[in-house]
PDB file of N, CA and C in Angstrom:
ATOM      1  N   MET A   1     -22.489  94.249 151.169  1.00  0.00           N
ATOM      2  CA  MET A   1     -23.287  93.528 149.826  1.00  0.00           C
ATOM      3  C   MET A   1     -22.665  94.161 148.694  1.00  0.00           C
ATOM      4  N   PRO A   2     -22.393  93.331 147.932  1.00  0.00           N
ATOM      5  CA  PRO A   2     -21.763  93.528 146.438  1.00  0.00           C
ATOM      6  C   PRO A   2     -22.723  94.438 145.612  1.00  0.00           C
ATOM      7  N   ALA A   3     -22.136  95.276 144.946  1.00  0.00           N
ATOM      8  CA  ALA A   3     -22.901  96.076 143.719  1.00  0.00           C
ATOM      9  C   ALA A   3     -23.914  95.078 142.962  1.00  0.00           C
ATOM     10  N   ALA A   4     -23.497  94.123 142.505  1.00  0.00           N
ATOM     11  CA  ALA A   4     -24.347  93.317 141.777  1.00  0.00           C
ATOM     12  C   ALA A   4     -25.555  92.648 142.447  1.00  0.00           C
ATOM     13  N   ALA A   5     -25.474  92.560 143.699  1.00  0.00           N
ATOM     14  CA  ALA A   5     -26.633  91.985 144.459  1.00  0.00           C
ATOM     15  C   ALA A   5     -27.550  92.965 144.699  1.00  0.00           C
ATOM     16  N   VAL A   6     -27.077  94.354 144.954  1.00  0.00           N
ATOM     17  CA  VAL A   6     -27.937  95.406 145.110  1.00  0.00           C
ATOM     18  C   VAL A   6     -28.661  95.783 143.601  1.00  0.00           C
ATOM     19  N   VAL A   7     -27.967  95.711 142.684  1.00  0.00           N
ATOM     20  CA  VAL A   7     -28.615  95.892 141.280  1.00  0.00           C
ATOM     21  C   VAL A   7     -29.616  94.846 141.056  1.00  0.00           C
ATOM     22  N   THR A   8     -29.326  93.616 141.393  1.00  0.00           N
ATOM     23  CA  THR A   8     -30.188  92.524 141.217  1.00  0.00           C
ATOM     24  C   THR A   8     -31.631  92.821 141.992  1.00  0.00           C
ATOM     25  N   LEU A   9     -31.314  93.136 143.442  1.00  0.00           N
ATOM     26  CA  LEU A   9     -32.591  93.398 144.045  1.00  0.00           C
ATOM     27  C   LEU A   9     -33.484  94.699 143.549  1.00  0.00           C
ATOM     28  N   VAL A  10     -32.762  95.600 143.159  1.00  0.00           N
ATOM     29  CA  VAL A  10     -33.459  96.666 142.710  1.00  0.00           C
ATOM     30  C   VAL A  10     -34.031  96.301 141.206  1.00  0.00           C
ATOM     31  N   ILE A  11     -33.630  95.676 140.379  1.00  0.00           N
ATOM     32  CA  ILE A  11     -34.152  95.321 139.240  1.00  0.00           C
ATOM     33  C   ILE A  11     -35.412  94.257 139.377  1.00  0.00           C
ATOM     34  N   ALA A  12     -35.142  93.584 140.469  1.00  0.00           N
ATOM     35  CA  ALA A  12     -36.205  92.464 140.999  1.00  0.00           C
ATOM     36  C   ALA A  12     -37.326  93.136 141.384  1.00  0.00           C
ATOM     37  N   THR A  13     -37.029  94.194 142.183  1.00  0.00           N
ATOM     38  CA  THR A  13     -38.152  94.961 142.957  1.00  0.00           C
ATOM     39  C   THR A  13     -38.864  95.775 141.837  1.00  0.00           C
ATOM     40  N   LEU A  14     -38.266  96.320 140.953  1.00  0.00           N
ATOM     41  CA  LEU A  14     -39.109  97.057 139.616  1.00  0.00           C
ATOM     42  C   LEU A  14     -39.834  96.156 138.935  1.00  0.00           C
ATOM     43  N   ILE A  15     -39.274  94.890 138.662  1.00  0.00           N
ATOM     44  CA  ILE A  15     -40.042  93.956 137.870  1.00  0.00           C
ATOM     45  C   ILE A  15     -41.409  93.477 138.684  1.00  0.00           C
ATOM     46  N   ILE A  16     -41.218  93.149 139.825  1.00  0.00           N
ATOM     47  CA  ILE A  16     -42.291  92.764 140.719  1.00  0.00           C
ATOM     48  C   ILE A  16     -43.336  93.863 140.906  1.00  0.00           C
ATOM     49  N   ALA A  17     -42.916  95.063 141.135  1.00  0.00           N
ATOM     50  CA  ALA A  17     -43.839  96.340 141.096  1.00  0.00           C
ATOM     51  C   ALA A  17     -44.457  96.463 139.874  1.00  0.00           C
ATOM     52  N   ALA A  18     -43.872  96.493 138.783  1.00  0.00           N
ATOM     53  CA  ALA A  18     -44.498  96.491 137.521  1.00  0.00           C
ATOM     54  C   ALA A  18     -45.620  95.389 137.276  1.00  0.00           C
ATOM     55  N   ALA A  19     -45.293  94.145 137.577  1.00  0.00           N
ATOM     56  CA  ALA A  19     -46.255  93.126 137.554  1.00  0.00           C
ATOM     57  C   ALA A  19     -47.459  93.233 138.535  1.00  0.00           C
ATOM     58  N   ALA A  20     -47.222  93.835 139.550  1.00  0.00           N
ATOM     59  CA  ALA A  20     -48.206  94.117 140.598  1.00  0.00           C
ATOM     60  C   ALA A  20     -49.281  95.081 140.172  1.00  0.00           C
ATOM     61  N   LEU A  21     -48.633  96.036 139.510  1.00  0.00           N
ATOM     62  CA  LEU A  21     -49.544  97.340 139.106  1.00  0.00           C
ATOM     63  C   LEU A  21     -50.323  96.868 137.902  1.00  0.00           C
ATOM     64  N   GLY A  22     -49.837  95.950 137.092  1.00  0.00           N
ATOM     65  CA  GLY A  22     -50.417  95.398 135.717  1.00  0.00           C
ATOM     66  C   GLY A  22     -51.697  94.601 136.358  1.00  0.00           C
ATOM     67  N   LEU A  23     -51.440  93.839 137.261  1.00  0.00           N
ATOM     68  CA  LEU A  23     -52.433  92.802 137.959  1.00  0.00           C
ATOM     69  C   LEU A  23     -53.674  93.716 138.570  1.00  0.00           C
ATOM     70  N   LEU A  24     -53.115  94.754 139.221  1.00  0.00           N
ATOM     71  CA  LEU A  24     -54.306  95.564 139.940  1.00  0.00           C
ATOM     72  C   LEU A  24     -55.051  96.338 138.684  1.00  0.00           C
ATOM     73  N   ARG A  25     -54.393  96.839 137.442  1.00  0.00           N
ATOM     74  CA  ARG A  25     -55.209  97.410 136.703  1.00  0.00           C
ATOM     75  C   ARG A  25     -56.156  96.302 135.750  1.00  0.00           C
ATOM     76  N   VAL A  26     -55.670  94.796 135.758  1.00  0.00           N
ATOM     77  CA  VAL A  26     -56.558  93.871 135.268  1.00  0.00           C
ATOM     78  C   VAL A  26     -57.704  93.897 136.150  1.00  0.00           C
ATOM     79  N   ILE A  27     -57.408  93.756 137.481  1.00  0.00           N
ATOM     80  CA  ILE A  27     -58.449  93.443 138.498  1.00  0.00           C
ATOM     81  C   ILE A  27     -59.556  94.668 138.398  1.00  0.00           C
ATOM     82  N   PHE A  28     -59.166  95.913 138.242  1.00  0.00           N
ATOM     83  CA  PHE A  28     -60.078  96.915 138.197  1.00  0.00           C
ATOM     84  C   PHE A  28     -60.945  96.950 136.820  1.00  0.00           C
ATOM     85  N   HIS A  29     -60.084  96.624 135.858  1.00  0.00           N
ATOM     86  CA  HIS A  29     -60.997  96.414 134.654  1.00  0.00           C
ATOM     87  C   HIS A  29     -61.962  95.165 134.636  1.00  0.00           C
ATOM     88  N   LEU A  30     -61.757  93.901 135.284  1.00  0.00           N
ATOM     89  CA  LEU A  30     -62.695  93.055 135.419  1.00  0.00           C
ATOM     90  C   LEU A  30     -63.710  93.580 136.212  1.00  0.00           C
ATOM     91  N   LYS A  31     -63.577  94.327 137.257  1.00  0.00           N
ATOM     92  CA  LYS A  31     -64.794  94.635 138.189  1.00  0.00           C
ATOM     93  C   LYS A  31     -65.693  95.539 137.272  1.00  0.00           C
ATOM     94  N   GLU A  32     -65.140  96.326 136.335  1.00  0.00           N
ATOM     95  CA  GLU A  32     -65.995  97.132 135.426  1.00  0.00           C
ATOM     96  C   GLU A  32     -66.773  96.318 134.488  1.00  0.00           C
ATOM     97  N   ILE A  33     -66.027  95.447 133.900  1.00  0.00           N
ATOM     98  CA  ILE A  33     -66.687  94.330 133.206  1.00  0.00           C
ATOM     99  C   ILE A  33     -67.786  93.767 133.910  1.00  0.00           C
ATOM    100  N   ARG A  34     -67.622  93.133 135.059  1.00  0.00           N
ATOM    101  CA  ARG A  34     -68.591  92.469 135.705  1.00  0.00           C
ATOM    102  C   ARG A  34     -69.798  93.398 135.860  1.00  0.00           C
ATOM    103  N   GLN A  35     -69.608  94.784 136.312  1.00  0.00           N
ATOM    104  CA  GLN A  35     -70.819  95.464 136.394  1.00  0.00           C
ATOM    105  C   GLN A  35     -71.517  95.853 135.169  1.00  0.00           C
ATOM    106  N   THR A  36     -70.851  96.089 133.991  1.00  0.00           N
ATOM    107  CA  THR A  36     -71.360  96.157 132.809  1.00  0.00           C
ATOM    108  C   THR A  36     -72.096  94.930 132.246  1.00  0.00           C
ATOM    109  N   LEU A  37     -71.782  93.906 132.751  1.00  0.00           N
ATOM    110  CA  LEU A  37     -72.466  92.419 132.089  1.00  0.00           C
ATOM    111  C   LEU A  37     -73.544  92.378 133.138  1.00  0.00           C
ATOM    112  N   GLY A  38     -73.584  92.735 134.361  1.00  0.00           N
ATOM    113  CA  GLY A  38     -74.766  92.948 135.203  1.00  0.00           C
ATOM    114  C   GLY A  38     -75.897  93.624 134.575  1.00  0.00           C
ATOM    115  N   THR A  39     -75.371  94.826 133.992  1.00  0.00           N
ATOM    116  CA  THR A  39     -76.591  95.533 133.499  1.00  0.00           C
ATOM    117  C   THR A  39     -76.997  95.099 132.346  1.00  0.00           C
ATOM    118  N   VAL A  40     -76.167  94.355 131.475  1.00  0.00           N
ATOM    119  CA  VAL A  40     -76.587  93.733 130.117  1.00  0.00           C
ATOM    120  C   VAL A  40     -77.645  92.779 130.444  1.00  0.00           C
ATOM    121  N   ILE A  41     -77.249  91.864 131.474  1.00  0.00           N
ATOM    122  CA  ILE A  41     -78.044  90.801 131.892  1.00  0.00           C
ATOM    123  C   ILE A  41     -79.495  91.333 132.171  1.00  0.00           C
ATOM    124  N   VAL A  42     -79.591  92.172 132.893  1.00  0.00           N
ATOM    125  CA  VAL A  42     -80.918  92.929 133.469  1.00  0.00           C
ATOM    126  C   VAL A  42     -81.706  93.408 132.185  1.00  0.00           C
ATOM    127  N   GLY A  43     -80.737  94.072 131.388  1.00  0.00           N
ATOM    128  CA  GLY A  43     -81.549  94.683 130.124  1.00  0.00           C
ATOM    129  C   GLY A  43     -82.035  93.409 129.065  1.00  0.00           C
ATOM    130  N   VAL A  44     -81.277  92.419 129.124  1.00  0.00           N
ATOM    131  CA  VAL A  44     -81.727  91.195 128.502  1.00  0.00           C
ATOM    132  C   VAL A  44     -83.112  90.586 128.980  1.00  0.00           C
ATOM    133  N   MET A  45     -83.096  90.509 130.193  1.00  0.00           N
ATOM    134  CA  MET A  45     -84.184  90.045 131.000  1.00  0.00           C
ATOM    135  C   MET A  45     -85.545  90.951 130.831  1.00  0.00           C
ATOM    136  N   VAL A  46     -85.326  92.183 130.811  1.00  0.00           N
ATOM    137  CA  VAL A  46     -86.328  93.124 130.629  1.00  0.00           C
ATOM    138  C   VAL A  46     -86.953  92.837 129.108  1.00  0.00           C
ATOM    139  N   VAL A  47     -86.122  92.807 128.317  1.00  0.00           N
ATOM    140  CA  VAL A  47     -86.515  92.791 126.730  1.00  0.00           C
ATOM    141  C   VAL A  47     -87.220  91.475 126.526  1.00  0.00           C
ATOM    142  N   ALA A  48     -86.646  90.302 127.434  1.00  0.00           N
ATOM    143  CA  ALA A  48     -87.357  89.061 127.092  1.00  0.00           C
ATOM    144  C   ALA A  48     -88.751  89.160 127.894  1.00  0.00           C
ATOM    145  N   HIS A  49     -89.034  89.661 128.806  1.00  0.00           N
ATOM    146  CA  HIS A  49     -90.155  89.972 129.533  1.00  0.00           C
ATOM    147  C   HIS A  49     -91.228  90.749 128.588  1.00  0.00           C
ATOM    148  N   GLN A  50     -90.564  91.869 128.106  1.00  0.00           N
ATOM    149  CA  GLN A  50     -91.490  92.635 127.308  1.00  0.00           C
ATOM    150  C   GLN A  50     -91.884  91.993 125.826  1.00  0.00           C
ATOM    151  N   THR A  51     -91.160  90.853 125.576  1.00  0.00           N
ATOM    152  CA  THR A  51     -91.396  90.344 124.209  1.00  0.00           C
ATOM    153  C   THR A  51     -91.707  88.688 124.447  1.00  0.00           C
ATOM    154  N   ARG A  52     -92.342  88.562 125.502  1.00  0.00           N
ATOM    155  CA  ARG A  52     -92.712  87.138 125.700  1.00  0.00           C
ATOM    156  C   ARG A  52     -93.743  86.613 124.772  1.00  0.00           C
ATOM    157  N   THR A  53     -94.028  85.387 124.654  1.00  0.00           N
ATOM    158  CA  THR A  53     -94.679  84.817 123.453  1.00  0.00           C
ATOM    159  C   THR A  53     -96.192  84.972 123.589  1.00  0.00           C
ATOM    160  N   VAL A  54     -97.032  84.910 122.661  1.00  0.00           N
ATOM    161  CA  VAL A  54     -98.471  85.262 122.655  1.00  0.00           C
ATOM    162  C   VAL A  54     -99.199  84.115 123.418  1.00  0.00           C
ATOM    163  N   PRO A  55     -98.858  82.738 123.683  1.00  0.00           N
ATOM    164  CA  PRO A  55     -99.693  82.059 124.455  1.00  0.00           C
ATOM    165  C   PRO A  55     -99.533  82.499 126.085  1.00  0.00           C
ATOM    166  N   GLU A  56     -98.625  83.122 126.423  1.00  0.00           N
ATOM    167  CA  GLU A  56     -98.376  83.611 127.589  1.00  0.00           C
ATOM    168  C   GLU A  56     -99.205  84.745 128.074  1.00  0.00           C
ATOM    169  N   VAL A  57     -99.384  85.525 127.230  1.00  0.00           N
ATOM    170  CA  VAL A  57    -100.255  86.721 127.158  1.00  0.00           C
ATOM    171  C   VAL A  57    -101.618  86.517 126.773  1.00  0.00           C
ATOM    172  N   LEU A  58    -101.965  85.567 125.854  1.00  0.00           N
ATOM    173  CA  LEU A  58    -103.226  85.387 125.250  1.00  0.00           C
ATOM    174  C   LEU A  58    -104.241  85.175 126.163  1.00  0.00           C
ATOM    175  N   PRO A  59    -104.295  84.488 127.363  1.00  0.00           N
ATOM    176  CA  PRO A  59    -105.550  84.408 128.066  1.00  0.00           C
ATOM    177  C   PRO A  59    -105.983  85.880 128.910  1.00  0.00           C
ATOM    178  N   SER A  60    -105.108  86.458 128.967  1.00  0.00           N
ATOM    179  CA  SER A  60    -105.515  87.987 129.648  1.00  0.00           C
ATOM    180  C   SER A  60    -106.035  88.820 128.496  1.00  0.00           C
ATOM    181  N   VAL A  61    -105.559  88.726 127.248  1.00  0.00           N
ATOM    182  CA  VAL A  61    -106.104  89.353 126.293  1.00  0.00           C
ATOM    183  C   VAL A  61    -107.376  88.875 125.855  1.00  0.00           C
ATOM    184  N   ASN A  62    -107.750  87.539 125.884  1.00  0.00           N
ATOM    185  CA  ASN A  62    -109.119  86.921 125.790  1.00  0.00           C
ATOM    186  C   ASN A  62    -109.921  87.387 126.792  1.00  0.00           C
ATOM    187  N   ALA A  63    -109.455  87.498 127.956  1.00  0.00           N
ATOM    188  CA  ALA A  63    -110.333  87.847 129.226  1.00  0.00           C
ATOM    189  C   ALA A  63    -110.804  89.325 129.035  1.00  0.00           C
ATOM    190  N   ASN A  64    -109.875  90.081 128.454  1.00  0.00           N
ATOM    191  CA  ASN A  64    -110.108  91.655 128.268  1.00  0.00           C
ATOM    192  C   ASN A  64    -111.144  91.867 127.099  1.00  0.00           C
ATOM    193  N   LEU A  65    -111.281  90.861 126.191  1.00  0.00           N
ATOM    194  CA  LEU A  65    -112.076  91.074 124.839  1.00  0.00           C
ATOM    195  C   LEU A  65    -113.257  90.390 125.155  1.00  0.00           C
ATOM    196  N   LYS A  66    -113.672  89.621 126.183  1.00  0.00           N
ATOM    197  CA  LYS A  66    -114.822  88.852 126.408  1.00  0.00           C
ATOM    198  C   LYS A  66    -116.012  89.851 126.438  1.00  0.00           C
ATOM    199  N   PRO A  67    -116.044  90.850 126.870  1.00  0.00           N
ATOM    200  CA  PRO A  67    -117.324  91.908 126.643  1.00  0.00           C
ATOM    201  C   PRO A  67    -117.497  92.301 125.326  1.00  0.00           C
ATOM    202  N   VAL A  68    -116.334  92.548 124.603  1.00  0.00           N
ATOM    203  CA  VAL A  68    -116.692  92.905 123.157  1.00  0.00           C
ATOM    204  C   VAL A  68    -117.385  91.832 122.386  1.00  0.00           C
ATOM    205  N   ARG A  69    -116.742  90.561 122.641  1.00  0.00           N
ATOM    206  CA  ARG A  69    -117.189  89.418 121.897  1.00  0.00           C
ATOM    207  C   ARG A  69    -118.653  89.121 122.285  1.00  0.00           C
ATOM    208  N   ASP A  70    -119.071  89.392 123.468  1.00  0.00           N
ATOM    209  CA  ASP A  70    -120.416  89.130 123.930  1.00  0.00           C
ATOM    210  C   ASP A  70    -121.305  90.133 123.346  1.00  0.00           C
ATOM    211  N   PHE A  71    -120.999  91.352 123.085  1.00  0.00           N
ATOM    212  CA  PHE A  71    -121.730  92.377 122.533  1.00  0.00           C
ATOM    213  C   PHE A  71    -121.927  92.001 121.047  1.00  0.00           C
ATOM    214  N   CYS A  72    -120.936  91.527 120.475  1.00  0.00           N
ATOM    215  CA  CYS A  72    -120.797  91.193 118.774  1.00  0.00           C
ATOM    216  C   CYS A  72    -121.952  90.160 118.731  1.00  0.00           C
ATOM    217  N   GLU A  73    -121.901  89.068 119.632  1.00  0.00           N
ATOM    218  CA  GLU A  73    -122.704  88.105 119.298  1.00  0.00           C
ATOM    219  C   GLU A  73    -124.180  88.371 119.740  1.00  0.00           C
ATOM    220  N   SER A  74    -124.447  89.533 120.538  1.00  0.00           N
ATOM    221  CA  SER A  74    -125.809  89.824 120.889  1.00  0.00           C
ATOM    222  C   SER A  74    -126.434  90.739 119.628  1.00  0.00           C
ATOM    223  N   ILE A  75    -125.735  91.100 118.712  1.00  0.00           N
ATOM    224  CA  ILE A  75    -126.084  91.958 117.440  1.00  0.00           C
ATOM    225  C   ILE A  75    -126.771  91.044 116.602  1.00  0.00           C
TER     226      ILE A  75
END
């Protein structure tokens, strides 16, 4: 095999190896980002649940205050 062919194969192998290494690094970074985004989504859902609107919570508040209202009306 001529020396030029060997050099070409070695250079091609190095280029392919470098590209594969780069792609593996991208895959690992994307996996980390996916996990972080999952955590962020769960956090946003918790915040949304804890700051839900008043009409959604209002019936339970009114039910809890009914004894107080009844007492105030009796005075």
